[in-house]
Amino acid sequence: MTSNLCKGIGALTACVVLATWLAGCSWSIGGGKERVSAAPATRGQELIDLKKARDQGAITQEEYENQKRQVLTR
């Protein structure tokens, strides 16, 4: 009887270890997206993004100038 109990505990332990390992793999692959935070953009990157938006017609020249001024005065 104790042999069966030991086998059961061993199997349960193996399942817990496997589940913990799999959860860790899932987290590192992307299961924890809510915890990922992007680094703040640098001023240079913001200016590049603004220029791209202007060049692609997403914002007007006036909007570009206003937003550029805001970035440079921070």
PDB file of N, CA and C in Angstrom:
ATOM      1  N   MET A   1       0.805  -1.189   0.000  1.00  0.00           N
ATOM      2  CA  MET A   1       0.000   0.000   0.000  1.00  0.00           C
ATOM      3  C   MET A   1       0.855   1.262   0.000  1.00  0.00           C
ATOM      4  N   THR A   2       1.901   1.272   0.800  1.00  0.00           N
ATOM      5  CA  THR A   2       2.760   2.457   0.827  1.00  0.00           C
ATOM      6  C   THR A   2       3.488   2.633  -0.492  1.00  0.00           C
ATOM      7  N   SER A   3       3.733   1.551  -1.179  1.00  0.00           N
ATOM      8  CA  SER A   3       4.374   1.626  -2.487  1.00  0.00           C
ATOM      9  C   SER A   3       3.488   2.382  -3.467  1.00  0.00           C
ATOM     10  N   ASN A   4       2.185   2.086  -3.462  1.00  0.00           N
ATOM     11  CA  ASN A   4       1.253   2.792  -4.341  1.00  0.00           C
ATOM     12  C   ASN A   4       1.156   4.266  -3.970  1.00  0.00           C
ATOM     13  N   LEU A   5       1.199   4.551  -2.661  1.00  0.00           N
ATOM     14  CA  LEU A   5       1.139   5.932  -2.181  1.00  0.00           C
ATOM     15  C   LEU A   5       2.376   6.703  -2.651  1.00  0.00           C
ATOM     16  N   CYS A   6       3.531   6.085  -2.547  1.00  0.00           N
ATOM     17  CA  CYS A   6       4.774   6.724  -2.994  1.00  0.00           C
ATOM     18  C   CYS A   6       4.749   6.989  -4.501  1.00  0.00           C
ATOM     19  N   LYS A   7       4.229   6.018  -5.243  1.00  0.00           N
ATOM     20  CA  LYS A   7       4.129   6.202  -6.694  1.00  0.00           C
ATOM     21  C   LYS A   7       3.187   7.355  -7.014  1.00  0.00           C
ATOM     22  N   GLY A   8       2.078   7.445  -6.289  1.00  0.00           N
ATOM     23  CA  GLY A   8       1.117   8.525  -6.503  1.00  0.00           C
ATOM     24  C   GLY A   8       1.712   9.891  -6.193  1.00  0.00           C
ATOM     25  N   ILE A   9       2.438   9.965  -5.076  1.00  0.00           N
ATOM     26  CA  ILE A   9       3.083  11.232  -4.691  1.00  0.00           C
ATOM     27  C   ILE A   9       4.153  11.604  -5.709  1.00  0.00           C
ATOM     28  N   GLY A  10       4.900  10.610  -6.162  1.00  0.00           N
ATOM     29  CA  GLY A  10       5.930  10.867  -7.184  1.00  0.00           C
ATOM     30  C   GLY A  10       5.316  11.379  -8.479  1.00  0.00           C
ATOM     31  N   ALA A  11       4.205  10.776  -8.890  1.00  0.00           N
ATOM     32  CA  ALA A  11       3.534  11.208 -10.119  1.00  0.00           C
ATOM     33  C   ALA A  11       2.976  12.619  -9.960  1.00  0.00           C
ATOM     34  N   LEU A  12       2.403  12.899  -8.791  1.00  0.00           N
ATOM     35  CA  LEU A  12       1.858  14.238  -8.523  1.00  0.00           C
ATOM     36  C   LEU A  12       2.969  15.282  -8.543  1.00  0.00           C
ATOM     37  N   THR A  13       4.093  14.949  -7.927  1.00  0.00           N
ATOM     38  CA  THR A  13       5.239  15.860  -7.915  1.00  0.00           C
ATOM     39  C   THR A  13       5.730  16.123  -9.336  1.00  0.00           C
ATOM     40  N   ALA A  14       5.814  15.084 -10.125  1.00  0.00           N
ATOM     41  CA  ALA A  14       6.257  15.236 -11.518  1.00  0.00           C
ATOM     42  C   ALA A  14       5.292  16.133 -12.289  1.00  0.00           C
ATOM     43  N   CYS A  15       3.985  15.966 -12.043  1.00  0.00           N
ATOM     44  CA  CYS A  15       2.989  16.800 -12.728  1.00  0.00           C
ATOM     45  C   CYS A  15       3.133  18.262 -12.330  1.00  0.00           C
ATOM     46  N   VAL A  16       3.356  18.521 -11.046  1.00  0.00           N
ATOM     47  CA  VAL A  16       3.511  19.899 -10.567  1.00  0.00           C
ATOM     48  C   VAL A  16       4.761  20.532 -11.180  1.00  0.00           C
ATOM     49  N   VAL A  17       5.848  19.789 -11.195  1.00  0.00           N
ATOM     50  CA  VAL A  17       7.090  20.302 -11.780  1.00  0.00           C
ATOM     51  C   VAL A  17       6.895  20.595 -13.264  1.00  0.00           C
ATOM     52  N   LEU A  18       6.264  19.689 -13.976  1.00  0.00           N
ATOM     53  CA  LEU A  18       6.026  19.877 -15.408  1.00  0.00           C
ATOM     54  C   LEU A  18       5.120  21.079 -15.655  1.00  0.00           C
ATOM     55  N   ALA A  19       4.056  21.199 -14.861  1.00  0.00           N
ATOM     56  CA  ALA A  19       3.136  22.328 -15.032  1.00  0.00           C
ATOM     57  C   ALA A  19       3.836  23.651 -14.753  1.00  0.00           C
ATOM     58  N   THR A  20       4.671  23.682 -13.729  1.00  0.00           N
ATOM     59  CA  THR A  20       5.422  24.902 -13.406  1.00  0.00           C
ATOM     60  C   THR A  20       6.378  25.255 -14.534  1.00  0.00           C
ATOM     61  N   TRP A  21       7.059  24.276 -15.060  1.00  0.00           N
ATOM     62  CA  TRP A  21       7.990  24.502 -16.152  1.00  0.00           C
ATOM     63  C   TRP A  21       7.263  25.012 -17.397  1.00  0.00           C
ATOM     64  N   LEU A  22       6.141  24.381 -17.718  1.00  0.00           N
ATOM     65  CA  LEU A  22       5.371  24.810 -18.890  1.00  0.00           C
ATOM     66  C   LEU A  22       4.820  26.224 -18.707  1.00  0.00           C
ATOM     67  N   ALA A  23       4.393  26.553 -17.506  1.00  0.00           N
ATOM     68  CA  ALA A  23       3.892  27.900 -17.253  1.00  0.00           C
ATOM     69  C   ALA A  23       5.001  28.919 -17.459  1.00  0.00           C
ATOM     70  N   GLY A  24       6.203  28.588 -17.041  1.00  0.00           N
ATOM     71  CA  GLY A  24       7.346  29.481 -17.243  1.00  0.00           C
ATOM     72  C   GLY A  24       7.653  29.662 -18.713  1.00  0.00           C
ATOM     73  N   CYS A  25       7.571  28.583 -19.479  1.00  0.00           N
ATOM     74  CA  CYS A  25       7.815  28.681 -20.921  1.00  0.00           C
ATOM     75  C   CYS A  25       6.758  29.557 -21.578  1.00  0.00           C
ATOM     76  N   SER A  26       5.520  29.354 -21.187  1.00  0.00           N
ATOM     77  CA  SER A  26       4.436  30.158 -21.755  1.00  0.00           C
ATOM     78  C   SER A  26       4.656  31.624 -21.446  1.00  0.00           C
ATOM     79  N   TRP A  27       5.067  31.919 -20.228  1.00  0.00           N
ATOM     80  CA  TRP A  27       5.283  33.308 -19.822  1.00  0.00           C
ATOM     81  C   TRP A  27       6.393  33.933 -20.659  1.00  0.00           C
ATOM     82  N   SER A  28       7.493  33.205 -20.878  1.00  0.00           N
ATOM     83  CA  SER A  28       8.606  33.778 -21.616  1.00  0.00           C
ATOM     84  C   SER A  28       8.305  33.908 -23.107  1.00  0.00           C
ATOM     85  N   ILE A  29       7.370  33.111 -23.616  1.00  0.00           N
ATOM     86  CA  ILE A  29       7.015  33.173 -25.029  1.00  0.00           C
ATOM     87  C   ILE A  29       6.040  34.303 -25.296  1.00  0.00           C
ATOM     88  N   GLY A  30       5.317  34.726 -24.307  1.00  0.00           N
ATOM     89  CA  GLY A  30       4.386  35.814 -24.529  1.00  0.00           C
ATOM     90  C   GLY A  30       3.104  35.688 -23.744  1.00  0.00           C
ATOM     91  N   GLY A  31       3.033  34.732 -22.846  1.00  0.00           N
ATOM     92  CA  GLY A  31       1.830  34.562 -22.057  1.00  0.00           C
ATOM     93  C   GLY A  31       1.603  35.709 -21.085  1.00  0.00           C
ATOM     94  N   GLY A  32       2.599  36.527 -20.838  1.00  0.00           N
ATOM     95  CA  GLY A  32       2.467  37.610 -19.870  1.00  0.00           C
ATOM     96  C   GLY A  32       2.541  38.971 -20.513  1.00  0.00           C
ATOM     97  N   LYS A  33       1.883  39.148 -21.621  1.00  0.00           N
ATOM     98  CA  LYS A  33       1.973  40.401 -22.355  1.00  0.00           C
ATOM     99  C   LYS A  33       1.549  41.613 -21.533  1.00  0.00           C
ATOM    100  N   GLU A  34       0.636  41.397 -20.584  1.00  0.00           N
ATOM    101  CA  GLU A  34       0.174  42.525 -19.799  1.00  0.00           C
ATOM    102  C   GLU A  34       1.275  43.114 -18.929  1.00  0.00           C
ATOM    103  N   ARG A  35       2.348  42.381 -18.713  1.00  0.00           N
ATOM    104  CA  ARG A  35       3.438  42.863 -17.875  1.00  0.00           C
ATOM    105  C   ARG A  35       4.555  43.509 -18.688  1.00  0.00           C
ATOM    106  N   VAL A  36       4.485  43.418 -19.989  1.00  0.00           N
ATOM    107  CA  VAL A  36       5.520  43.987 -20.839  1.00  0.00           C
ATOM    108  C   VAL A  36       5.283  45.482 -20.959  1.00  0.00           C
ATOM    109  N   SER A  37       6.302  46.257 -20.685  1.00  0.00           N
ATOM    110  CA  SER A  37       6.158  47.696 -20.837  1.00  0.00           C
ATOM    111  C   SER A  37       7.224  48.196 -21.805  1.00  0.00           C
ATOM    112  N   ALA A  38       6.810  49.045 -22.683  1.00  0.00           N
ATOM    113  CA  ALA A  38       7.734  49.597 -23.665  1.00  0.00           C
ATOM    114  C   ALA A  38       8.545  50.718 -23.027  1.00  0.00           C
ATOM    115  N   ALA A  39       9.778  50.827 -23.445  1.00  0.00           N
ATOM    116  CA  ALA A  39      10.608  51.925 -22.975  1.00  0.00           C
ATOM    117  C   ALA A  39      10.086  53.215 -23.591  1.00  0.00           C
ATOM    118  N   PRO A  40      10.154  54.306 -22.839  1.00  0.00           N
ATOM    119  CA  PRO A  40       9.684  55.566 -23.400  1.00  0.00           C
ATOM    120  C   PRO A  40      10.534  55.965 -24.614  1.00  0.00           C
ATOM    121  N   ALA A  41       9.880  56.545 -25.590  1.00  0.00           N
ATOM    122  CA  ALA A  41      10.584  56.957 -26.806  1.00  0.00           C
ATOM    123  C   ALA A  41      11.505  58.136 -26.489  1.00  0.00           C
ATOM    124  N   THR A  42      12.636  58.150 -27.141  1.00  0.00           N
ATOM    125  CA  THR A  42      13.542  59.287 -26.983  1.00  0.00           C
ATOM    126  C   THR A  42      13.022  60.452 -27.809  1.00  0.00           C
ATOM    127  N   ARG A  43      13.527  61.623 -27.549  1.00  0.00           N
ATOM    128  CA  ARG A  43      13.109  62.789 -28.338  1.00  0.00           C
ATOM    129  C   ARG A  43      13.404  62.573 -29.814  1.00  0.00           C
ATOM    130  N   GLY A  44      14.556  62.013 -30.086  1.00  0.00           N
ATOM    131  CA  GLY A  44      14.934  61.754 -31.471  1.00  0.00           C
ATOM    132  C   GLY A  44      13.956  60.822 -32.163  1.00  0.00           C
ATOM    133  N   GLN A  45      13.561  59.750 -31.459  1.00  0.00           N
ATOM    134  CA  GLN A  45      12.615  58.802 -32.040  1.00  0.00           C
ATOM    135  C   GLN A  45      11.258  59.455 -32.245  1.00  0.00           C
ATOM    136  N   GLU A  46      10.828  60.292 -31.296  1.00  0.00           N
ATOM    137  CA  GLU A  46       9.558  60.993 -31.459  1.00  0.00           C
ATOM    138  C   GLU A  46       9.578  61.898 -32.688  1.00  0.00           C
ATOM    139  N   LEU A  47      10.700  62.572 -32.903  1.00  0.00           N
ATOM    140  CA  LEU A  47      10.818  63.460 -34.067  1.00  0.00           C
ATOM    141  C   LEU A  47      10.807  62.663 -35.370  1.00  0.00           C
ATOM    142  N   ILE A  48      11.480  61.520 -35.368  1.00  0.00           N
ATOM    143  CA  ILE A  48      11.480  60.653 -36.551  1.00  0.00           C
ATOM    144  C   ILE A  48      10.067  60.172 -36.848  1.00  0.00           C
ATOM    145  N   ASP A  49       9.351  59.750 -35.792  1.00  0.00           N
ATOM    146  CA  ASP A  49       7.975  59.273 -35.969  1.00  0.00           C
ATOM    147  C   ASP A  49       7.066  60.388 -36.479  1.00  0.00           C
ATOM    148  N   LEU A  50       7.246  61.585 -35.962  1.00  0.00           N
ATOM    149  CA  LEU A  50       6.445  62.722 -36.430  1.00  0.00           C
ATOM    150  C   LEU A  50       6.694  62.995 -37.907  1.00  0.00           C
ATOM    151  N   LYS A  51       7.979  62.966 -38.296  1.00  0.00           N
ATOM    152  CA  LYS A  51       8.314  63.218 -39.704  1.00  0.00           C
ATOM    153  C   LYS A  51       7.696  62.157 -40.608  1.00  0.00           C
ATOM    154  N   LYS A  52       7.757  60.896 -40.178  1.00  0.00           N
ATOM    155  CA  LYS A  52       7.148  59.820 -40.967  1.00  0.00           C
ATOM    156  C   LYS A  52       5.644  60.046 -41.103  1.00  0.00           C
ATOM    157  N   ALA A  53       5.001  60.445 -40.002  1.00  0.00           N
ATOM    158  CA  ALA A  53       3.556  60.693 -40.042  1.00  0.00           C
ATOM    159  C   ALA A  53       3.235  61.826 -41.008  1.00  0.00           C
ATOM    160  N   ARG A  54       4.044  62.875 -40.983  1.00  0.00           N
ATOM    161  CA  ARG A  54       3.838  63.987 -41.913  1.00  0.00           C
ATOM    162  C   ARG A  54       4.071  63.554 -43.351  1.00  0.00           C
ATOM    163  N   ASP A  55       5.155  62.839 -43.585  1.00  0.00           N
ATOM    164  CA  ASP A  55       5.495  62.394 -44.937  1.00  0.00           C
ATOM    165  C   ASP A  55       4.438  61.440 -45.514  1.00  0.00           C
ATOM    166  N   GLN A  56       3.786  60.677 -44.646  1.00  0.00           N
ATOM    167  CA  GLN A  56       2.763  59.737 -45.093  1.00  0.00           C
ATOM    168  C   GLN A  56       1.375  60.364 -45.139  1.00  0.00           C
ATOM    169  N   GLY A  57       1.284  61.630 -44.758  1.00  0.00           N
ATOM    170  CA  GLY A  57       0.016  62.332 -44.818  1.00  0.00           C
ATOM    171  C   GLY A  57      -0.898  62.080 -43.630  1.00  0.00           C
ATOM    172  N   ALA A  58      -0.376  61.466 -42.579  1.00  0.00           N
ATOM    173  CA  ALA A  58      -1.192  61.188 -41.399  1.00  0.00           C
ATOM    174  C   ALA A  58      -1.457  62.455 -40.593  1.00  0.00           C
ATOM    175  N   ILE A  59      -0.528  63.405 -40.655  1.00  0.00           N
ATOM    176  CA  ILE A  59      -0.716  64.700 -40.003  1.00  0.00           C
ATOM    177  C   ILE A  59      -0.327  65.800 -40.985  1.00  0.00           C
ATOM    178  N   THR A  60      -0.863  66.979 -40.759  1.00  0.00           N
ATOM    179  CA  THR A  60      -0.558  68.120 -41.633  1.00  0.00           C
ATOM    180  C   THR A  60       0.777  68.736 -41.238  1.00  0.00           C
ATOM    181  N   GLN A  61       1.278  69.609 -42.090  1.00  0.00           N
ATOM    182  CA  GLN A  61       2.518  70.319 -41.798  1.00  0.00           C
ATOM    183  C   GLN A  61       2.360  71.135 -40.507  1.00  0.00           C
ATOM    184  N   GLU A  62       1.203  71.759 -40.341  1.00  0.00           N
ATOM    185  CA  GLU A  62       0.955  72.568 -39.141  1.00  0.00           C
ATOM    186  C   GLU A  62       0.967  71.695 -37.883  1.00  0.00           C
ATOM    187  N   GLU A  63       0.303  70.537 -37.955  1.00  0.00           N
ATOM    188  CA  GLU A  63       0.304  69.613 -36.815  1.00  0.00           C
ATOM    189  C   GLU A  63       1.721  69.132 -36.522  1.00  0.00           C
ATOM    190  N   TYR A  64       2.476  68.871 -37.568  1.00  0.00           N
ATOM    191  CA  TYR A  64       3.869  68.441 -37.424  1.00  0.00           C
ATOM    192  C   TYR A  64       4.674  69.496 -36.683  1.00  0.00           C
ATOM    193  N   GLU A  65       4.554  70.744 -37.105  1.00  0.00           N
ATOM    194  CA  GLU A  65       5.314  71.838 -36.477  1.00  0.00           C
ATOM    195  C   GLU A  65       4.923  71.998 -35.004  1.00  0.00           C
ATOM    196  N   ASN A  66       3.617  71.939 -34.719  1.00  0.00           N
ATOM    197  CA  ASN A  66       3.152  72.099 -33.338  1.00  0.00           C
ATOM    198  C   ASN A  66       3.669  70.970 -32.446  1.00  0.00           C
ATOM    199  N   GLN A  67       3.560  69.740 -32.923  1.00  0.00           N
ATOM    200  CA  GLN A  67       3.996  68.602 -32.125  1.00  0.00           C
ATOM    201  C   GLN A  67       5.517  68.574 -31.994  1.00  0.00           C
ATOM    202  N   LYS A  68       6.207  68.960 -33.030  1.00  0.00           N
ATOM    203  CA  LYS A  68       7.665  69.023 -32.999  1.00  0.00           C
ATOM    204  C   LYS A  68       8.110  70.025 -31.940  1.00  0.00           C
ATOM    205  N   ARG A  69       7.448  71.186 -31.896  1.00  0.00           N
ATOM    206  CA  ARG A  69       7.762  72.219 -30.912  1.00  0.00           C
ATOM    207  C   ARG A  69       7.548  71.669 -29.486  1.00  0.00           C
ATOM    208  N   GLN A  70       6.447  70.922 -29.304  1.00  0.00           N
ATOM    209  CA  GLN A  70       6.178  70.346 -27.982  1.00  0.00           C
ATOM    210  C   GLN A  70       7.250  69.353 -27.564  1.00  0.00           C
ATOM    211  N   VAL A  71       7.693  68.533 -28.504  1.00  0.00           N
ATOM    212  CA  VAL A  71       8.734  67.549 -28.198  1.00  0.00           C
ATOM    213  C   VAL A  71      10.023  68.245 -27.810  1.00  0.00           C
ATOM    214  N   LEU A  72      10.374  69.291 -28.545  1.00  0.00           N
ATOM    215  CA  LEU A  72      11.635  69.982 -28.308  1.00  0.00           C
ATOM    216  C   LEU A  72      11.641  70.839 -27.044  1.00  0.00           C
ATOM    217  N   THR A  73      10.471  71.209 -26.541  1.00  0.00           N
ATOM    218  CA  THR A  73      10.425  72.049 -25.336  1.00  0.00           C
ATOM    219  C   THR A  73      10.236  71.244 -24.056  1.00  0.00           C
ATOM    220  N   ARG A  74      10.152  69.942 -24.138  1.00  0.00           N
ATOM    221  CA  ARG A  74      10.028  69.126 -22.921  1.00  0.00           C
ATOM    222  C   ARG A  74      11.319  69.041 -22.191  1.00  0.00           C
TER     223      ARG A  74
END
